[in-house]
C-alpha atoms as a PDB file:
ATOM      1  CA  MET A   1       0.000   0.000   0.000  1.00  0.00           C
ATOM      2  CA  VAL A   2       2.792   2.412   0.875  1.00  0.00           C
ATOM      3  CA  ASP A   3       4.885   1.464  -2.184  1.00  0.00           C
ATOM      4  CA  GLU A   4       1.901   2.061  -4.441  1.00  0.00           C
ATOM      5  CA  ALA A   5       1.230   5.479  -2.820  1.00  0.00           C
ATOM      6  CA  GLY A   6      -2.091   4.261  -1.543  1.00  0.00           C
ATOM      7  CA  ALA A   7      -1.098   5.278   1.983  1.00  0.00           C
ATOM      8  CA  ASP A   8       1.646   7.263   3.693  1.00  0.00           C
ATOM      9  CA  PHE A   9       2.062   4.663   6.402  1.00  0.00           C
ATOM     10  CA  ALA A  10       0.362   1.505   7.669  1.00  0.00           C
ATOM     11  CA  GLY A  11      -0.640   1.079  11.291  1.00  0.00           C
ATOM     12  CA  VAL A  12      -1.173  -2.594  12.038  1.00  0.00           C
ATOM     13  CA  CYS A  13      -2.365  -3.217  15.577  1.00  0.00           C
ATOM     14  CA  ARG A  14      -3.877  -6.630  16.369  1.00  0.00           C
ATOM     15  CA  LEU A  15      -1.801  -8.481  13.770  1.00  0.00           C
ATOM     16  CA  SER A  16       1.327  -7.050  15.402  1.00  0.00           C
ATOM     17  CA  LEU A  17       0.360  -8.951  18.546  1.00  0.00           C
ATOM     18  CA  ASP A  18      -0.756 -12.156  16.859  1.00  0.00           C
ATOM     19  CA  ASP A  19       2.317 -12.318  14.595  1.00  0.00           C
ATOM     20  CA  PRO A  20       4.982  -9.628  15.149  1.00  0.00           C
ATOM     21  CA  ASP A  21       7.124 -11.264  12.452  1.00  0.00           C
ATOM     22  CA  PHE A  22       4.583 -10.764   9.674  1.00  0.00           C
ATOM     23  CA  PRO A  23       6.637  -8.074   7.820  1.00  0.00           C
ATOM     24  CA  ILE A  24       9.677 -10.369   7.757  1.00  0.00           C
ATOM     25  CA  LYS A  25       7.564 -13.260   6.508  1.00  0.00           C
ATOM     26  CA  ILE A  26       6.210 -11.053   3.704  1.00  0.00           C
ATOM     27  CA  MET A  27       9.733  -9.985   2.706  1.00  0.00           C
ATOM     28  CA  GLN A  28      10.930 -13.588   2.724  1.00  0.00           C
ATOM     29  CA  GLY A  29       8.002 -14.909   0.676  1.00  0.00           C
ATOM     30  CA  ARG A  30       6.536 -16.809   3.645  1.00  0.00           C
ATOM     31  CA  GLU A  31       3.121 -15.184   3.649  1.00  0.00           C
ATOM     32  CA  ASP A  32       1.436 -18.565   4.111  1.00  0.00           C
ATOM     33  CA  GLU A  33       3.114 -18.754   7.537  1.00  0.00           C
ATOM     34  CA  ILE A  34       1.541 -15.546   8.844  1.00  0.00           C
ATOM     35  CA  ARG A  35      -0.717 -16.169  11.826  1.00  0.00           C
ATOM     36  CA  LEU A  36      -3.569 -13.962  10.614  1.00  0.00           C
ATOM     37  CA  SER A  37      -5.591 -12.358  13.371  1.00  0.00           C
ATOM     38  CA  THR A  38      -8.973 -13.779  14.312  1.00  0.00           C
ATOM     39  CA  HIS A  39      -9.689 -10.462  16.077  1.00  0.00           C
ATOM     40  CA  THR A  40     -10.749 -12.211  19.257  1.00  0.00           C
ATOM     41  CA  GLY A  41      -9.873 -10.458  22.474  1.00  0.00           C
ATOM     42  CA  ALA A  42     -10.424 -12.847  25.389  1.00  0.00           C
ATOM     43  CA  SER A  43      -6.751 -13.341  26.245  1.00  0.00           C
ATOM     44  CA  LEU A  44      -5.753  -9.883  25.039  1.00  0.00           C
ATOM     45  CA  LEU A  45      -8.135  -7.975  27.271  1.00  0.00           C
ATOM     46  CA  GLN A  46      -9.641  -9.839  30.223  1.00  0.00           C
ATOM     47  CA  GLY A  47      -6.763 -12.305  30.605  1.00  0.00           C
ATOM     48  CA  ASN A  48      -3.850  -9.941  30.206  1.00  0.00           C
ATOM     49  CA  ILE A  49      -4.410  -6.183  30.091  1.00  0.00           C
ATOM     50  CA  PHE A  50      -7.198  -6.177  32.684  1.00  0.00           C
ATOM     51  CA  GLY A  51      -6.055  -9.229  34.630  1.00  0.00           C
ATOM     52  CA  LYS A  52      -2.257  -9.056  34.582  1.00  0.00           C
ATOM     53  CA  GLY A  53      -1.334  -5.615  33.340  1.00  0.00           C
ATOM     54  CA  TRP A  54       0.327  -6.483  30.031  1.00  0.00           C
ATOM     55  CA  ALA A  55      -0.761  -7.028  26.451  1.00  0.00           C
ATOM     56  CA  GLY A  56      -1.058 -10.481  24.962  1.00  0.00           C
ATOM     57  CA  SER A  57      -2.543 -12.506  22.144  1.00  0.00           C
ATOM     58  CA  ALA A  58      -5.188 -15.202  22.194  1.00  0.00           C
ATOM     59  CA  GLN A  59      -3.468 -16.919  19.265  1.00  0.00           C
ATOM     60  CA  ASN A  60       0.211 -16.243  19.880  1.00  0.00           C
ATOM     61  CA  PRO A  61       1.323 -17.524  23.307  1.00  0.00           C
ATOM     62  CA  VAL A  62       4.863 -16.236  22.799  1.00  0.00           C
ATOM     63  CA  PHE A  63       3.931 -12.551  22.529  1.00  0.00           C
ATOM     64  CA  GLY A  64       5.123 -10.754  25.664  1.00  0.00           C
ATOM     65  CA  ARG A  65       6.995 -13.874  26.827  1.00  0.00           C
ATOM     66  CA  GLU A  66       9.633 -14.065  24.099  1.00  0.00           C
ATOM     67  CA  ASP A  67      12.437 -14.786  26.553  1.00  0.00           C
ATOM     68  CA  GLU A  68      10.857 -17.502  28.675  1.00  0.00           C
ATOM     69  CA  PHE A  69       9.106 -19.074  25.673  1.00  0.00           C
ATOM     70  CA  ARG A  70      12.045 -19.022  23.256  1.00  0.00           C
ATOM     71  CA  ILE A  71      12.654 -22.308  21.472  1.00  0.00           C
ATOM     72  CA  VAL A  72      15.631 -24.165  22.941  1.00  0.00           C
ATOM     73  CA  PRO A  73      16.557 -27.207  20.815  1.00  0.00           C
ATOM     74  CA  THR A  74      16.589 -30.357  22.905  1.00  0.00           C
ATOM     75  CA  THR A  75      19.669 -32.485  23.447  1.00  0.00           C
ATOM     76  CA  CYS A  76      17.486 -35.405  24.511  1.00  0.00           C
ATOM     77  CA  PRO A  77      14.690 -36.014  21.966  1.00  0.00           C
ATOM     78  CA  ARG A  78      11.571 -37.688  23.362  1.00  0.00           C
ATOM     79  CA  LYS A  79       8.770 -39.584  21.670  1.00  0.00           C
ATOM     80  CA  VAL A  80       5.601 -37.520  21.992  1.00  0.00           C
ATOM     81  CA  VAL A  81       2.154 -38.813  21.052  1.00  0.00           C
ATOM     82  CA  VAL A  82      -0.574 -36.190  20.716  1.00  0.00           C
ATOM     83  CA  VAL A  83      -4.186 -37.394  20.658  1.00  0.00           C
ATOM     84  CA  GLY A  84      -6.439 -34.776  19.105  1.00  0.00           C
ATOM     85  CA  GLY A  85      -5.821 -32.346  16.261  1.00  0.00           C
ATOM     86  CA  GLY A  86      -7.602 -29.239  17.489  1.00  0.00           C
ATOM     87  CA  SER A  87      -6.019 -25.954  18.571  1.00  0.00           C
ATOM     88  CA  GLY A  88      -4.268 -27.408  21.619  1.00  0.00           C
ATOM     89  CA  GLY A  89      -3.114 -30.597  19.956  1.00  0.00           C
ATOM     90  CA  MET A  90      -1.676 -28.864  16.902  1.00  0.00           C
ATOM     91  CA  GLU A  91       0.049 -26.127  18.916  1.00  0.00           C
ATOM     92  CA  TYR A  92       1.663 -28.769  21.126  1.00  0.00           C
ATOM     93  CA  ALA A  93       2.734 -30.902  18.160  1.00  0.00           C
ATOM     94  CA  ILE A  94       4.208 -27.971  16.212  1.00  0.00           C
ATOM     95  CA  THR A  95       6.153 -26.685  19.225  1.00  0.00           C
ATOM     96  CA  ALA A  96       7.440 -30.094  20.321  1.00  0.00           C
ATOM     97  CA  ASP A  97       8.570 -30.792  16.764  1.00  0.00           C
ATOM     98  CA  GLU A  98      10.354 -27.443  16.572  1.00  0.00           C
ATOM     99  CA  ILE A  99      12.153 -28.209  19.830  1.00  0.00           C
ATOM    100  CA  GLY A 100      13.351 -31.469  18.294  1.00  0.00           C
ATOM    101  CA  HIS A 101      11.113 -34.186  19.693  1.00  0.00           C
ATOM    102  CA  ASP A 102       9.689 -37.074  17.641  1.00  0.00           C
ATOM    103  CA  VAL A 103       5.959 -36.323  17.389  1.00  0.00           C
ATOM    104  CA  VAL A 104       3.012 -38.464  16.288  1.00  0.00           C
ATOM    105  CA  LEU A 105      -0.418 -36.819  16.074  1.00  0.00           C
ATOM    106  CA  PHE A 106      -3.591 -38.936  16.080  1.00  0.00           C
ATOM    107  CA  GLU A 107      -6.864 -37.355  14.925  1.00  0.00           C
ATOM    108  CA  ARG A 108     -10.083 -39.353  14.702  1.00  0.00           C
ATOM    109  CA  ASP A 109     -11.586 -37.107  11.994  1.00  0.00           C
ATOM    110  CA  GLU A 110     -10.329 -36.872   8.445  1.00  0.00           C
ATOM    111  CA  THR A 111      -9.250 -33.249   8.890  1.00  0.00           C
ATOM    112  CA  LEU A 112      -7.364 -31.273  11.514  1.00  0.00           C
ATOM    113  CA  GLY A 113      -8.926 -28.323  13.272  1.00  0.00           C
ATOM    114  CA  GLY A 114     -11.272 -29.597  15.970  1.00  0.00           C
ATOM    115  CA  ALA A 115     -14.036 -27.248  17.056  1.00  0.00           C
ATOM    116  CA  MET A 116     -12.237 -24.298  15.438  1.00  0.00           C
ATOM    117  CA  ASP A 117     -12.695 -25.950  12.065  1.00  0.00           C
ATOM    118  CA  TRP A 118     -16.411 -25.156  12.198  1.00  0.00           C
ATOM    119  CA  ALA A 119     -16.394 -22.209  14.594  1.00  0.00           C
ATOM    120  CA  GLY A 120     -17.253 -19.059  12.713  1.00  0.00           C
ATOM    121  CA  ASN A 121     -18.790 -20.906   9.757  1.00  0.00           C
ATOM    122  CA  TYR A 122     -21.697 -18.459   9.548  1.00  0.00           C
ATOM    123  CA  ALA A 123     -22.454 -17.403   5.979  1.00  0.00           C
ATOM    124  CA  ALA A 124     -24.496 -14.315   6.907  1.00  0.00           C
ATOM    125  CA  LEU A 125     -22.672 -12.979   9.988  1.00  0.00           C
ATOM    126  CA  PRO A 126     -19.971 -10.386   9.239  1.00  0.00           C
ATOM    127  CA  ASN A 127     -16.322 -11.059  10.109  1.00  0.00           C
ATOM    128  CA  MET A 128     -16.950 -14.453  11.720  1.00  0.00           C
ATOM    129  CA  GLU A 129     -15.027 -16.305   9.011  1.00  0.00           C
ATOM    130  CA  MET A 130     -11.850 -14.804  10.490  1.00  0.00           C
ATOM    131  CA  LEU A 131     -12.032 -17.503  13.180  1.00  0.00           C
ATOM    132  CA  SER A 132     -11.018 -20.020  10.517  1.00  0.00           C
ATOM    133  CA  TYR A 133      -7.628 -18.281  10.194  1.00  0.00           C
ATOM    134  CA  GLN A 134      -6.399 -20.053  13.322  1.00  0.00           C
ATOM    135  CA  PRO A 135      -6.872 -23.692  12.218  1.00  0.00           C
ATOM    136  CA  LYS A 136      -5.647 -22.777   8.720  1.00  0.00           C
ATOM    137  CA  TYR A 137      -2.413 -21.454  10.229  1.00  0.00           C
ATOM    138  CA  HIS A 138      -1.958 -24.537  12.389  1.00  0.00           C
ATOM    139  CA  ARG A 139      -2.609 -26.890   9.479  1.00  0.00           C
ATOM    140  CA  LYS A 140      -0.048 -25.062   7.320  1.00  0.00           C
ATOM    141  CA  MET A 141       2.599 -25.243  10.029  1.00  0.00           C
ATOM    142  CA  ILE A 142       1.859 -28.936  10.626  1.00  0.00           C
ATOM    143  CA  GLU A 143       2.277 -29.481   6.887  1.00  0.00           C
ATOM    144  CA  LYS A 144       5.698 -27.805   7.005  1.00  0.00           C
ATOM    145  CA  SER A 145       6.788 -29.717  10.104  1.00  0.00           C
ATOM    146  CA  SER A 146       8.065 -33.242  10.644  1.00  0.00           C
ATOM    147  CA  VAL A 147       5.006 -34.262  12.679  1.00  0.00           C
ATOM    148  CA  ASP A 148       3.705 -37.714  11.742  1.00  0.00           C
ATOM    149  CA  VAL A 149      -0.032 -37.071  11.299  1.00  0.00           C
ATOM    150  CA  ARG A 150      -2.443 -40.041  11.415  1.00  0.00           C
ATOM    151  CA  LEU A 151      -5.939 -38.962  10.346  1.00  0.00           C
ATOM    152  CA  GLY A 152      -9.070 -41.049  10.785  1.00  0.00           C
ATOM    153  CA  VAL A 153      -7.635 -42.850  13.814  1.00  0.00           C
ATOM    154  CA  ASP A 154      -9.611 -42.992  17.054  1.00  0.00           C
ATOM    155  CA  ALA A 155      -6.547 -43.829  19.123  1.00  0.00           C
ATOM    156  CA  ASP A 156      -6.966 -46.131  22.098  1.00  0.00           C
ATOM    157  CA  VAL A 157      -4.437 -47.159  24.734  1.00  0.00           C
ATOM    158  CA  ALA A 158      -3.064 -49.991  22.576  1.00  0.00           C
ATOM    159  CA  ALA A 159      -2.506 -47.735  19.555  1.00  0.00           C
ATOM    160  CA  ILE A 160      -0.881 -45.064  21.709  1.00  0.00           C
ATOM    161  CA  MET A 161       1.444 -47.418  23.600  1.00  0.00           C
ATOM    162  CA  ALA A 162       2.442 -49.145  20.354  1.00  0.00           C
ATOM    163  CA  GLU A 163       4.376 -45.936  19.600  1.00  0.00           C
ATOM    164  CA  ALA A 164       6.467 -46.393  22.792  1.00  0.00           C
ATOM    165  CA  PRO A 165       5.880 -42.785  23.878  1.00  0.00           C
ATOM    166  CA  ASP A 166       7.628 -40.896  26.636  1.00  0.00           C
ATOM    167  CA  VAL A 167       4.874 -38.259  26.715  1.00  0.00           C
ATOM    168  CA  VAL A 168       1.187 -38.552  25.807  1.00  0.00           C
ATOM    169  CA  VAL A 169      -0.799 -35.382  25.209  1.00  0.00           C
ATOM    170  CA  ILE A 170      -4.556 -35.639  25.597  1.00  0.00           C
ATOM    171  CA  ALA A 171      -6.115 -32.934  23.442  1.00  0.00           C
ATOM    172  CA  THR A 172      -9.364 -34.701  22.625  1.00  0.00           C
ATOM    173  CA  GLY A 173     -11.562 -31.675  23.249  1.00  0.00           C
ATOM    174  CA  ALA A 174     -15.108 -31.779  24.586  1.00  0.00           C
ATOM    175  CA  GLN A 175     -18.313 -33.517  23.617  1.00  0.00           C
ATOM    176  CA  PRO A 176     -21.969 -32.547  23.982  1.00  0.00           C
ATOM    177  CA  ILE A 177     -23.585 -33.974  27.084  1.00  0.00           C
ATOM    178  CA  ALA A 178     -25.974 -36.692  25.979  1.00  0.00           C
ATOM    179  CA  ALA A 179     -29.524 -35.447  26.424  1.00  0.00           C
ATOM    180  CA  PRO A 180     -32.244 -37.913  27.457  1.00  0.00           C
ATOM    181  CA  PHE A 181     -34.917 -36.560  25.127  1.00  0.00           C
ATOM    182  CA  GLU A 182     -37.591 -39.024  24.147  1.00  0.00           C
ATOM    183  CA  GLY A 183     -37.351 -39.767  20.433  1.00  0.00           C
ATOM    184  CA  LEU A 184     -33.863 -38.257  20.034  1.00  0.00           C
ATOM    185  CA  ASP A 185     -32.268 -41.293  18.388  1.00  0.00           C
ATOM    186  CA  ALA A 186     -35.046 -41.623  15.828  1.00  0.00           C
ATOM    187  CA  ALA A 187     -35.022 -37.876  15.159  1.00  0.00           C
ATOM    188  CA  ARG A 188     -31.276 -37.887  14.541  1.00  0.00           C
ATOM    189  CA  ALA A 189     -31.507 -40.954  12.333  1.00  0.00           C
ATOM    190  CA  SER A 190     -34.126 -39.240  10.154  1.00  0.00           C
ATOM    191  CA  GLY A 191     -32.219 -35.943  10.024  1.00  0.00           C
ATOM    192  CA  PHE A 192     -34.970 -34.067  11.835  1.00  0.00           C
ATOM    193  CA  ALA A 193     -32.645 -33.375  14.794  1.00  0.00           C
ATOM    194  CA  ILE A 194     -28.963 -32.476  14.386  1.00  0.00           C
ATOM    195  CA  ARG A 195     -26.234 -31.155  16.636  1.00  0.00           C
ATOM    196  CA  ILE A 196     -24.650 -27.746  16.150  1.00  0.00           C
ATOM    197  CA  ASP A 197     -21.353 -29.447  15.230  1.00  0.00           C
ATOM    198  CA  ASP A 198     -23.135 -31.097  12.302  1.00  0.00           C
ATOM    199  CA  ALA A 199     -25.052 -27.973  11.287  1.00  0.00           C
ATOM    200  CA  MET A 200     -21.854 -25.929  11.002  1.00  0.00           C
ATOM    201  CA  ARG A 201     -19.392 -28.399   9.559  1.00  0.00           C
ATOM    202  CA  ARG A 202     -17.738 -27.231   6.352  1.00  0.00           C
ATOM    203  CA  ASP A 203     -17.687 -30.576   4.542  1.00  0.00           C
ATOM    204  CA  ASN A 204     -21.023 -32.090   3.506  1.00  0.00           C
ATOM    205  CA  PRO A 205     -23.225 -30.184   5.975  1.00  0.00           C
ATOM    206  CA  PRO A 206     -26.779 -31.470   6.455  1.00  0.00           C
ATOM    207  CA  VAL A 207     -29.738 -29.774   4.818  1.00  0.00           C
ATOM    208  CA  ILE A 208     -31.504 -27.443   7.259  1.00  0.00           C
ATOM    209  CA  GLY A 209     -35.205 -26.824   6.681  1.00  0.00           C
ATOM    210  CA  MET A 210     -36.880 -23.435   6.538  1.00  0.00           C
ATOM    211  CA  ARG A 211     -38.565 -23.741   9.949  1.00  0.00           C
ATOM    212  CA  VAL A 212     -35.827 -24.197  12.518  1.00  0.00           C
ATOM    213  CA  ILE A 213     -35.765 -24.651  16.278  1.00  0.00           C
ATOM    214  CA  ILE A 214     -32.411 -23.846  17.897  1.00  0.00           C
ATOM    215  CA  TYR A 215     -32.449 -25.476  21.329  1.00  0.00           C
ATOM    216  CA  GLY A 216     -29.765 -24.056  23.598  1.00  0.00           C
ATOM    217  CA  ALA A 217     -29.161 -20.318  23.305  1.00  0.00           C
ATOM    218  CA  GLY A 218     -25.746 -20.354  24.986  1.00  0.00           C
ATOM    219  CA  GLU A 219     -24.042 -21.938  21.987  1.00  0.00           C
ATOM    220  CA  GLY A 220     -26.843 -21.499  19.492  1.00  0.00           C
ATOM    221  CA  ALA A 221     -27.529 -17.743  19.410  1.00  0.00           C
ATOM    222  CA  GLU A 222     -25.082 -16.999  16.606  1.00  0.00           C
ATOM    223  CA  LEU A 223     -26.338 -19.894  14.499  1.00  0.00           C
ATOM    224  CA  ALA A 224     -29.897 -18.703  15.092  1.00  0.00           C
ATOM    225  CA  LEU A 225     -28.900 -15.216  13.909  1.00  0.00           C
ATOM    226  CA  ASP A 226     -27.144 -16.613  10.858  1.00  0.00           C
ATOM    227  CA  LEU A 227     -30.120 -18.728   9.806  1.00  0.00           C
ATOM    228  CA  LYS A 228     -32.512 -15.841  10.447  1.00  0.00           C
ATOM    229  CA  LEU A 229     -30.455 -13.568   8.194  1.00  0.00           C
ATOM    230  CA  ARG A 230     -30.439 -16.284   5.537  1.00  0.00           C
ATOM    231  CA  GLY A 231     -34.232 -16.302   5.431  1.00  0.00           C
ATOM    232  CA  HIS A 232     -35.122 -19.166   7.751  1.00  0.00           C
ATOM    233  CA  GLU A 233     -37.963 -18.991  10.238  1.00  0.00           C
ATOM    234  CA  VAL A 234     -36.114 -19.424  13.543  1.00  0.00           C
ATOM    235  CA  ARG A 235     -37.139 -19.942  17.151  1.00  0.00           C
ATOM    236  CA  LEU A 236     -34.355 -19.762  19.733  1.00  0.00           C
ATOM    237  CA  ILE A 237     -35.447 -21.794  22.751  1.00  0.00           C
ATOM    238  CA  ASP A 238     -33.619 -22.396  26.023  1.00  0.00           C
ATOM    239  CA  ALA A 239     -34.307 -24.266  29.250  1.00  0.00           C
ATOM    240  CA  GLY A 240     -32.731 -21.600  31.443  1.00  0.00           C
ATOM    241  CA  PRO A 241     -34.430 -18.551  32.909  1.00  0.00           C
ATOM    242  CA  ALA A 242     -32.592 -16.144  30.566  1.00  0.00           C
ATOM    243  CA  TYR A 243     -29.974 -16.016  27.837  1.00  0.00           C
ATOM    244  CA  ALA A 244     -26.590 -17.044  29.244  1.00  0.00           C
ATOM    245  CA  PRO A 245     -23.844 -17.048  26.570  1.00  0.00           C
ATOM    246  CA  ALA A 246     -21.273 -19.836  26.343  1.00  0.00           C
ATOM    247  CA  ASN A 247     -17.996 -18.974  28.066  1.00  0.00           C
ATOM    248  CA  TYR A 248     -16.083 -18.577  24.803  1.00  0.00           C
ATOM    249  CA  ILE A 249     -18.486 -15.847  23.582  1.00  0.00           C
ATOM    250  CA  GLY A 250     -16.929 -13.249  25.883  1.00  0.00           C
ATOM    251  CA  SER A 251     -17.470  -9.591  25.016  1.00  0.00           C
ATOM    252  CA  ARG A 252     -19.007 -10.609  21.677  1.00  0.00           C
ATOM    253  CA  VAL A 253     -22.262 -11.077  23.583  1.00  0.00           C
ATOM    254  CA  TRP A 254     -23.130  -7.374  23.260  1.00  0.00           C
ATOM    255  CA  ALA A 255     -22.898  -7.513  19.477  1.00  0.00           C
ATOM    256  CA  ILE A 256     -24.950 -10.713  19.440  1.00  0.00           C
ATOM    257  CA  MET A 257     -27.698  -9.226  21.590  1.00  0.00           C
ATOM    258  CA  GLY A 258     -27.758  -6.053  19.490  1.00  0.00           C
ATOM    259  CA  MET A 259     -28.112  -8.028  16.269  1.00  0.00           C
ATOM    260  CA  MET A 260     -30.827 -10.203  17.798  1.00  0.00           C
ATOM    261  CA  ALA A 261     -32.809  -7.109  18.716  1.00  0.00           C
ATOM    262  CA  HIS A 262     -32.259  -5.677  15.235  1.00  0.00           C
ATOM    263  CA  VAL A 263     -33.639  -8.729  13.409  1.00  0.00           C
ATOM    264  CA  GLY A 264     -36.406  -9.426  15.927  1.00  0.00           C
ATOM    265  CA  LEU A 265     -34.970 -12.655  17.310  1.00  0.00           C
ATOM    266  CA  ALA A 266     -35.688 -13.236  21.005  1.00  0.00           C
ATOM    267  CA  VAL A 267     -34.684 -16.076  23.293  1.00  0.00           C
ATOM    268  CA  GLU A 268     -37.649 -18.073  24.584  1.00  0.00           C
ATOM    269  CA  PRO A 269     -36.466 -19.128  28.056  1.00  0.00           C
ATOM    270  CA  GLY A 270     -37.959 -21.637  30.464  1.00  0.00           C
ATOM    271  CA  HIS A 271     -38.698 -24.268  27.795  1.00  0.00           C
ATOM    272  CA  SER A 272     -37.238 -27.714  28.519  1.00  0.00           C
ATOM    273  CA  LEU A 273     -37.222 -30.118  25.591  1.00  0.00           C
ATOM    274  CA  ALA A 274     -39.206 -33.205  26.577  1.00  0.00           C
ATOM    275  CA  ARG A 275     -39.540 -35.230  23.384  1.00  0.00           C
ATOM    276  CA  LEU A 276     -39.134 -35.152  19.642  1.00  0.00           C
ATOM    277  CA  ALA A 277     -41.480 -36.504  17.043  1.00  0.00           C
ATOM    278  CA  ASP A 278     -41.479 -36.268  13.273  1.00  0.00           C
ATOM    279  CA  GLY A 279     -42.117 -32.615  12.530  1.00  0.00           C
ATOM    280  CA  SER A 280     -42.512 -31.309  16.078  1.00  0.00           C
ATOM    281  CA  ALA A 281     -40.771 -30.789  19.407  1.00  0.00           C
ATOM    282  CA  VAL A 282     -42.593 -30.852  22.722  1.00  0.00           C
ATOM    283  CA  PHE A 283     -41.401 -28.593  25.531  1.00  0.00           C
ATOM    284  CA  THR A 284     -42.366 -28.451  29.191  1.00  0.00           C
ATOM    285  CA  THR A 285     -42.922 -24.973  30.585  1.00  0.00           C
ATOM    286  CA  ALA A 286     -44.263 -23.442  33.775  1.00  0.00           C
ATOM    287  CA  GLY A 287     -47.703 -23.612  32.221  1.00  0.00           C
ATOM    288  CA  GLY A 288     -47.534 -27.226  31.099  1.00  0.00           C
ATOM    289  CA  GLU A 289     -46.535 -28.559  27.687  1.00  0.00           C
ATOM    290  CA  THR A 290     -46.299 -26.843  24.330  1.00  0.00           C
ATOM    291  CA  SER A 291     -45.664 -28.352  20.921  1.00  0.00           C
ATOM    292  CA  VAL A 292     -43.656 -26.497  18.258  1.00  0.00           C
ATOM    293  CA  GLU A 293     -43.637 -27.569  14.634  1.00  0.00           C
ATOM    294  CA  ALA A 294     -40.381 -27.409  12.690  1.00  0.00           C
ATOM    295  CA  ASP A 295     -38.478 -28.834   9.747  1.00  0.00           C
ATOM    296  CA  THR A 296     -35.206 -29.085  11.666  1.00  0.00           C
ATOM    297  CA  VAL A 297     -34.217 -29.035  15.330  1.00  0.00           C
ATOM    298  CA  VAL A 298     -30.622 -28.046  16.091  1.00  0.00           C
ATOM    299  CA  ILE A 299     -29.521 -29.132  19.558  1.00  0.00           C
ATOM    300  CA  CYS A 300     -26.826 -26.980  21.155  1.00  0.00           C
ATOM    301  CA  SER A 301     -26.174 -28.740  24.431  1.00  0.00           C
ATOM    302  CA  VAL A 302     -23.641 -28.026  27.139  1.00  0.00           C
ATOM    303  CA  ARG A 303     -20.261 -29.678  26.633  1.00  0.00           C
ATOM    304  CA  ARG A 304     -18.045 -31.653  28.959  1.00  0.00           C
ATOM    305  CA  ALA A 305     -14.405 -32.663  28.736  1.00  0.00           C
ATOM    306  CA  LEU A 306     -13.681 -35.743  26.658  1.00  0.00           C
ATOM    307  CA  ASN A 307     -10.718 -37.159  28.556  1.00  0.00           C
ATOM    308  CA  ALA A 308     -11.369 -40.824  29.337  1.00  0.00           C
ATOM    309  CA  LEU A 309      -7.858 -41.559  28.030  1.00  0.00           C
ATOM    310  CA  GLU A 310      -6.343 -39.735  31.005  1.00  0.00           C
ATOM    311  CA  LYS A 311      -7.615 -42.333  33.445  1.00  0.00           C
ATOM    312  CA  ALA A 312      -6.927 -45.213  31.071  1.00  0.00           C
ATOM    313  CA  LEU A 313      -3.273 -44.191  30.703  1.00  0.00           C
ATOM    314  CA  GLN A 314      -2.507 -43.429  34.341  1.00  0.00           C
ATOM    315  CA  SER A 315      -1.042 -46.886  34.921  1.00  0.00           C
ATOM    316  CA  GLN A 316       1.259 -46.616  31.904  1.00  0.00           C
ATOM    317  CA  PRO A 317       4.924 -45.514  32.175  1.00  0.00           C
ATOM    318  CA  VAL A 318       4.371 -42.196  30.393  1.00  0.00           C
ATOM    319  CA  SER A 319       4.089 -38.535  31.293  1.00  0.00           C
ATOM    320  CA  LEU A 320       0.570 -37.236  30.714  1.00  0.00           C
ATOM    321  CA  HIS A 321      -0.331 -33.718  29.615  1.00  0.00           C
ATOM    322  CA  VAL A 322      -3.979 -32.664  29.248  1.00  0.00           C
ATOM    323  CA  VAL A 323      -4.708 -29.490  27.299  1.00  0.00           C
ATOM    324  CA  GLY A 324      -7.657 -27.435  26.135  1.00  0.00           C
ATOM    325  CA  ASP A 325     -11.244 -28.575  26.369  1.00  0.00           C
ATOM    326  CA  ALA A 326     -10.098 -32.063  27.415  1.00  0.00           C
ATOM    327  CA  ARG A 327      -9.149 -30.370  30.692  1.00  0.00           C
ATOM    328  CA  THR A 328     -12.309 -28.270  30.864  1.00  0.00           C
ATOM    329  CA  PRO A 329     -14.279 -26.560  28.061  1.00  0.00           C
ATOM    330  CA  ARG A 330     -13.096 -22.993  27.520  1.00  0.00           C
ATOM    331  CA  SER A 331     -11.810 -20.859  24.638  1.00  0.00           C
ATOM    332  CA  TYR A 332      -9.304 -21.896  21.982  1.00  0.00           C
ATOM    333  CA  ALA A 333      -6.853 -19.411  23.526  1.00  0.00           C
ATOM    334  CA  ASN A 334      -6.669 -21.496  26.697  1.00  0.00           C
ATOM    335  CA  ALA A 335      -5.855 -24.594  24.647  1.00  0.00           C
ATOM    336  CA  ILE A 336      -3.093 -22.848  22.705  1.00  0.00           C
ATOM    337  CA  HIS A 337      -1.470 -21.249  25.744  1.00  0.00           C
ATOM    338  CA  GLU A 338      -1.563 -24.472  27.781  1.00  0.00           C
ATOM    339  CA  ALA A 339      -0.050 -26.436  24.913  1.00  0.00           C
ATOM    340  CA  ALA A 340       2.654 -23.837  24.374  1.00  0.00           C
ATOM    341  CA  TYR A 341       3.657 -23.998  28.036  1.00  0.00           C
ATOM    342  CA  LEU A 342       3.492 -27.769  28.534  1.00  0.00           C
ATOM    343  CA  SER A 343       5.323 -28.633  25.310  1.00  0.00           C
ATOM    344  CA  ARG A 344       8.303 -26.643  26.592  1.00  0.00           C
ATOM    345  CA  GLN A 345       8.400 -28.700  29.799  1.00  0.00           C
ATOM    346  CA  VAL A 346       9.274 -31.987  28.081  1.00  0.00           C
ATOM    347  CA  ARG A 347      12.710 -33.052  29.256  1.00  0.00           C
END
């Protein structure tokens, strides 16, 4: 821009935190290695400026800690097995590989990215697609690393121990808590009911009908907004007494609530899903039961850590590290920062 006289100077703020080396990477023809900013501020603001008194980056755990987090090549390479290819798993694998360890990464899906691979996949919401920058960066750096990636493998104890690891990293993320709704299995089998993970996946997403019930406003408000803006008839229903955003939403909640008011989308609280039938969902309320007709029901349930491997591996002669949502569901920044710290502790 400056060379072409389009500007006298360029002031780059957030990207300077997320990747201070971006000008060097541009000059060296390494633009594909730039950690583009997702413009999320959880770690930058609440976690650092307000909480600790210094600036930081949700994506770049090294910013502000360049000395203590510098890469020191190991003189004693270890075998590291990472289970889970989300934000935490990939950050750990990339860092351990850069240090000089022998790293194997198991991922049960056919692509890397975890929850961040579908987070932000809202066609009608502005700027949300920037969230995909983070998994794209991680995938590129994995591709350029020496990490042995095994996709489509739901690794169990036998598969893990067959690698003779010194360290096992559990980065398996979180899973929706199974809901005991009557008729759920049949509704999912027919495609009438789907989970938010399915609704937002980038590859072969399911068809969503015009009349949609989003059950669970904490995770589902943005999807409800997106579908509403795309012309669907949407009802956003929640069992709680009021809208309570998921913990990763952070300060974005004010924009969400403003957009909801603008498009006339209101949370309907105090409705507990009781059962599903073909073409309708029955809710219990303070006044009894109410039936709502729909073409699709999207269930956005609370998540819990998926870390059964931790207990299963405790008797094995390995060091265990648990990162990200496998520890407890939070933001992707927590996963990245934990992985960055723990990967540097391997001796």
